[in-house]
Amino acid sequence: MIEAEPAVAQHHYDLIVTWLKNLRVPEARIRQLLHNHNFGWADRMKYRFWMLRNRCAYVRNCQNYAADARGRSAGGKQGPILASGIDA
């Protein structure tokens, strides 16, 4: 397929690289994913810190996303909201 349509393959490759860069994937990880390069100790540590930063940002930004639903059903006092209990 690649040999038959090199221009299309290059276009798809460029799209993947652009997508990965938009996601802020480190250059070393892109090289590892697309070129099968070695991912050394320093690159592994950078990647772990990058993933930890992403995880912390996710927790910080999304930890209260479902807090309202947890508050309604916590303790069993009100229980879950049923469709019949919602005013239309």
N, C-alpha and C. Protein backbone atom coordinates (compact mmCIF):
# COMPACT_ATOMS: atom_id res chain seq x y z
N MET A 1 0.82 -1.18 0.00
CA MET A 1 0.00 0.00 0.00
C MET A 1 0.87 1.25 0.00
N ILE A 2 1.88 1.30 0.87
CA ILE A 2 2.74 2.48 0.94
C ILE A 2 3.52 2.65 -0.35
N GLU A 3 4.01 1.56 -0.90
CA GLU A 3 4.76 1.65 -2.15
C GLU A 3 3.86 2.06 -3.31
N ALA A 4 2.61 1.65 -3.27
CA ALA A 4 1.68 1.99 -4.35
C ALA A 4 1.26 3.45 -4.31
N GLU A 5 1.11 4.02 -3.13
CA GLU A 5 0.66 5.40 -2.97
C GLU A 5 1.53 6.15 -1.96
N PRO A 6 2.77 6.47 -2.32
CA PRO A 6 3.66 7.13 -1.35
C PRO A 6 3.17 8.53 -0.94
N ALA A 7 2.52 9.24 -1.85
CA ALA A 7 2.04 10.59 -1.51
C ALA A 7 0.95 10.52 -0.44
N VAL A 8 0.06 9.55 -0.57
CA VAL A 8 -1.01 9.39 0.41
C VAL A 8 -0.43 8.96 1.75
N ALA A 9 0.53 8.04 1.73
CA ALA A 9 1.17 7.58 2.96
C ALA A 9 1.88 8.75 3.65
N GLN A 10 2.57 9.58 2.90
CA GLN A 10 3.25 10.74 3.48
C GLN A 10 2.25 11.71 4.08
N HIS A 11 1.13 11.91 3.40
CA HIS A 11 0.09 12.81 3.91
C HIS A 11 -0.46 12.29 5.24
N HIS A 12 -0.73 10.99 5.32
CA HIS A 12 -1.24 10.41 6.56
C HIS A 12 -0.19 10.49 7.68
N TYR A 13 1.05 10.25 7.33
CA TYR A 13 2.13 10.37 8.30
C TYR A 13 2.19 11.80 8.85
N ASP A 14 2.11 12.78 7.97
CA ASP A 14 2.13 14.18 8.39
C ASP A 14 0.94 14.52 9.29
N LEU A 15 -0.23 13.95 8.98
CA LEU A 15 -1.41 14.17 9.82
C LEU A 15 -1.20 13.60 11.22
N ILE A 16 -0.62 12.41 11.30
CA ILE A 16 -0.36 11.78 12.59
C ILE A 16 0.63 12.61 13.40
N VAL A 17 1.70 13.06 12.75
CA VAL A 17 2.70 13.87 13.44
C VAL A 17 2.08 15.17 13.95
N THR A 18 1.28 15.82 13.12
CA THR A 18 0.62 17.06 13.52
C THR A 18 -0.32 16.82 14.70
N TRP A 19 -1.07 15.73 14.65
CA TRP A 19 -1.99 15.38 15.73
C TRP A 19 -1.24 15.15 17.03
N LEU A 20 -0.14 14.39 16.96
CA LEU A 20 0.65 14.12 18.17
C LEU A 20 1.25 15.40 18.74
N LYS A 21 1.71 16.30 17.87
CA LYS A 21 2.27 17.57 18.34
C LYS A 21 1.19 18.45 18.96
N ASN A 22 -0.02 18.42 18.40
CA ASN A 22 -1.12 19.19 18.98
C ASN A 22 -1.49 18.66 20.37
N LEU A 23 -1.29 17.37 20.57
CA LEU A 23 -1.53 16.77 21.89
C LEU A 23 -0.35 16.99 22.84
N ARG A 24 0.69 17.66 22.36
CA ARG A 24 1.90 17.97 23.12
C ARG A 24 2.64 16.71 23.56
N VAL A 25 2.65 15.73 22.68
CA VAL A 25 3.43 14.51 22.93
C VAL A 25 4.90 14.87 22.73
N PRO A 26 5.77 14.50 23.66
CA PRO A 26 7.19 14.84 23.52
C PRO A 26 7.81 14.25 22.24
N GLU A 27 8.79 14.96 21.71
CA GLU A 27 9.46 14.54 20.48
C GLU A 27 10.04 13.13 20.60
N ALA A 28 10.61 12.83 21.75
CA ALA A 28 11.20 11.49 21.93
C ALA A 28 10.13 10.41 21.83
N ARG A 29 8.94 10.67 22.38
CA ARG A 29 7.86 9.68 22.30
C ARG A 29 7.36 9.55 20.86
N ILE A 30 7.30 10.66 20.14
CA ILE A 30 6.90 10.59 18.72
C ILE A 30 7.89 9.76 17.93
N ARG A 31 9.19 9.99 18.18
CA ARG A 31 10.21 9.20 17.48
C ARG A 31 10.07 7.72 17.83
N GLN A 32 9.79 7.44 19.09
CA GLN A 32 9.64 6.04 19.49
C GLN A 32 8.43 5.42 18.82
N LEU A 33 7.32 6.12 18.78
CA LEU A 33 6.10 5.58 18.20
C LEU A 33 6.17 5.40 16.70
N LEU A 34 6.74 6.38 16.01
CA LEU A 34 6.70 6.37 14.55
C LEU A 34 7.94 5.80 13.89
N HIS A 35 9.07 5.80 14.58
CA HIS A 35 10.31 5.34 13.97
C HIS A 35 10.95 4.18 14.71
N ASN A 36 10.31 3.73 15.79
CA ASN A 36 10.83 2.62 16.59
C ASN A 36 12.22 2.95 17.16
N HIS A 37 12.41 4.20 17.59
CA HIS A 37 13.66 4.59 18.22
C HIS A 37 13.68 4.12 19.66
N ASN A 38 14.86 4.02 20.19
CA ASN A 38 15.03 3.63 21.59
C ASN A 38 14.53 4.75 22.49
N PHE A 39 13.89 4.37 23.57
CA PHE A 39 13.38 5.32 24.55
C PHE A 39 14.22 5.14 25.80
N GLY A 40 15.24 5.98 25.95
CA GLY A 40 16.22 5.83 27.02
C GLY A 40 15.68 6.17 28.40
N TRP A 41 16.55 6.02 29.39
CA TRP A 41 16.18 6.25 30.78
C TRP A 41 15.69 7.68 31.00
N ALA A 42 16.42 8.65 30.48
CA ALA A 42 16.04 10.05 30.67
C ALA A 42 14.70 10.34 30.01
N ASP A 43 14.48 9.78 28.81
CA ASP A 43 13.20 9.99 28.13
C ASP A 43 12.05 9.32 28.88
N ARG A 44 12.30 8.15 29.46
CA ARG A 44 11.26 7.48 30.25
C ARG A 44 10.89 8.32 31.47
N MET A 45 11.89 8.93 32.13
CA MET A 45 11.60 9.76 33.30
C MET A 45 10.83 11.02 32.89
N LYS A 46 11.24 11.65 31.79
CA LYS A 46 10.50 12.82 31.31
C LYS A 46 9.06 12.45 31.00
N TYR A 47 8.86 11.28 30.39
CA TYR A 47 7.51 10.84 30.04
C TYR A 47 6.69 10.58 31.30
N ARG A 48 7.30 9.98 32.32
CA ARG A 48 6.58 9.73 33.58
C ARG A 48 6.15 11.03 34.23
N PHE A 49 7.04 12.02 34.25
CA PHE A 49 6.69 13.32 34.82
C PHE A 49 5.61 14.01 34.00
N TRP A 50 5.67 13.87 32.67
CA TRP A 50 4.67 14.44 31.79
C TRP A 50 3.30 13.82 32.07
N MET A 51 3.28 12.48 32.22
CA MET A 51 2.02 11.79 32.52
C MET A 51 1.51 12.16 33.91
N LEU A 52 2.41 12.32 34.87
CA LEU A 52 2.00 12.73 36.21
C LEU A 52 1.38 14.13 36.18
N ARG A 53 1.99 15.03 35.42
CA ARG A 53 1.44 16.38 35.29
C ARG A 53 0.05 16.33 34.67
N ASN A 54 -0.13 15.49 33.63
CA ASN A 54 -1.44 15.35 33.01
C ASN A 54 -2.46 14.79 33.99
N ARG A 55 -2.04 13.81 34.78
CA ARG A 55 -2.94 13.22 35.76
C ARG A 55 -3.35 14.24 36.82
N CYS A 56 -2.39 15.02 37.30
CA CYS A 56 -2.70 16.05 38.29
C CYS A 56 -3.66 17.09 37.72
N ALA A 57 -3.44 17.48 36.47
CA ALA A 57 -4.33 18.45 35.83
C ALA A 57 -5.73 17.87 35.69
N TYR A 58 -5.83 16.59 35.34
CA TYR A 58 -7.13 15.94 35.20
C TYR A 58 -7.85 15.92 36.55
N VAL A 59 -7.15 15.52 37.60
CA VAL A 59 -7.77 15.46 38.93
C VAL A 59 -8.19 16.86 39.36
N ARG A 60 -7.33 17.84 39.16
CA ARG A 60 -7.63 19.21 39.57
C ARG A 60 -8.85 19.75 38.82
N ASN A 61 -8.95 19.46 37.53
CA ASN A 61 -10.02 20.04 36.72
C ASN A 61 -11.31 19.23 36.76
N CYS A 62 -11.24 17.95 37.08
CA CYS A 62 -12.43 17.10 36.96
C CYS A 62 -12.84 16.43 38.25
N GLN A 63 -12.18 16.70 39.36
CA GLN A 63 -12.50 15.97 40.59
C GLN A 63 -13.90 16.28 41.10
N ASN A 64 -14.44 17.44 40.84
CA ASN A 64 -15.77 17.80 41.33
C ASN A 64 -16.85 17.65 40.26
N TYR A 65 -16.50 17.00 39.16
CA TYR A 65 -17.45 16.88 38.05
C TYR A 65 -18.73 16.17 38.48
N ALA A 66 -18.60 15.09 39.23
CA ALA A 66 -19.77 14.33 39.67
C ALA A 66 -20.08 14.55 41.14
N ALA A 67 -19.57 15.60 41.75
CA ALA A 67 -19.77 15.83 43.18
C ALA A 67 -21.24 16.03 43.51
N ASP A 68 -22.00 16.68 42.65
CA ASP A 68 -23.40 16.92 42.89
C ASP A 68 -24.17 15.59 42.96
N ALA A 69 -23.89 14.69 42.06
CA ALA A 69 -24.56 13.39 42.06
C ALA A 69 -24.19 12.58 43.29
N ARG A 70 -22.93 12.64 43.70
CA ARG A 70 -22.51 11.91 44.90
C ARG A 70 -23.19 12.50 46.13
N GLY A 71 -23.35 13.80 46.18
CA GLY A 71 -23.98 14.44 47.33
C GLY A 71 -25.43 14.06 47.48
N ARG A 72 -26.14 13.89 46.38
CA ARG A 72 -27.56 13.52 46.44
C ARG A 72 -27.75 12.11 46.97
N SER A 73 -26.87 11.19 46.56
CA SER A 73 -27.09 9.80 46.94
C SER A 73 -26.30 9.41 48.19
N ALA A 74 -25.45 10.28 48.70
CA ALA A 74 -24.65 9.95 49.88
C ALA A 74 -25.53 9.88 51.12
N GLY A 75 -25.31 8.91 51.93
CA GLY A 75 -26.02 8.80 53.19
C GLY A 75 -27.39 8.16 53.07
N GLY A 76 -27.89 7.99 51.89
CA GLY A 76 -29.17 7.33 51.71
C GLY A 76 -30.37 8.16 52.13
N LYS A 77 -30.20 9.44 52.43
CA LYS A 77 -31.33 10.26 52.89
C LYS A 77 -32.28 10.58 51.74
N GLN A 78 -31.75 11.08 50.66
CA GLN A 78 -32.60 11.42 49.54
C GLN A 78 -32.64 10.32 48.50
N GLY A 79 -31.55 9.61 48.37
CA GLY A 79 -31.48 8.57 47.35
C GLY A 79 -31.29 9.15 45.98
N PRO A 80 -31.23 8.30 44.98
CA PRO A 80 -31.02 8.81 43.63
C PRO A 80 -32.27 9.51 43.11
N ILE A 81 -32.07 10.43 42.20
CA ILE A 81 -33.18 11.13 41.58
C ILE A 81 -33.72 10.25 40.46
N LEU A 82 -35.01 9.97 40.52
CA LEU A 82 -35.65 9.15 39.51
C LEU A 82 -36.31 10.05 38.48
N ALA A 83 -36.53 9.52 37.30
CA ALA A 83 -37.16 10.29 36.24
C ALA A 83 -38.56 10.75 36.66
N SER A 84 -39.25 9.98 37.48
CA SER A 84 -40.60 10.35 37.91
C SER A 84 -40.57 11.53 38.88
N GLY A 85 -39.43 11.77 39.51
CA GLY A 85 -39.32 12.87 40.47
C GLY A 85 -38.87 14.17 39.86
N ILE A 86 -38.65 14.20 38.57
CA ILE A 86 -38.18 15.42 37.89
C ILE A 86 -39.40 16.14 37.32
N ASP A 87 -39.51 17.43 37.62
CA ASP A 87 -40.61 18.22 37.07
C ASP A 87 -40.36 18.48 35.61
N ALA A 88 -41.35 18.23 34.79
CA ALA A 88 -41.19 18.42 33.34
C ALA A 88 -41.54 19.82 32.94
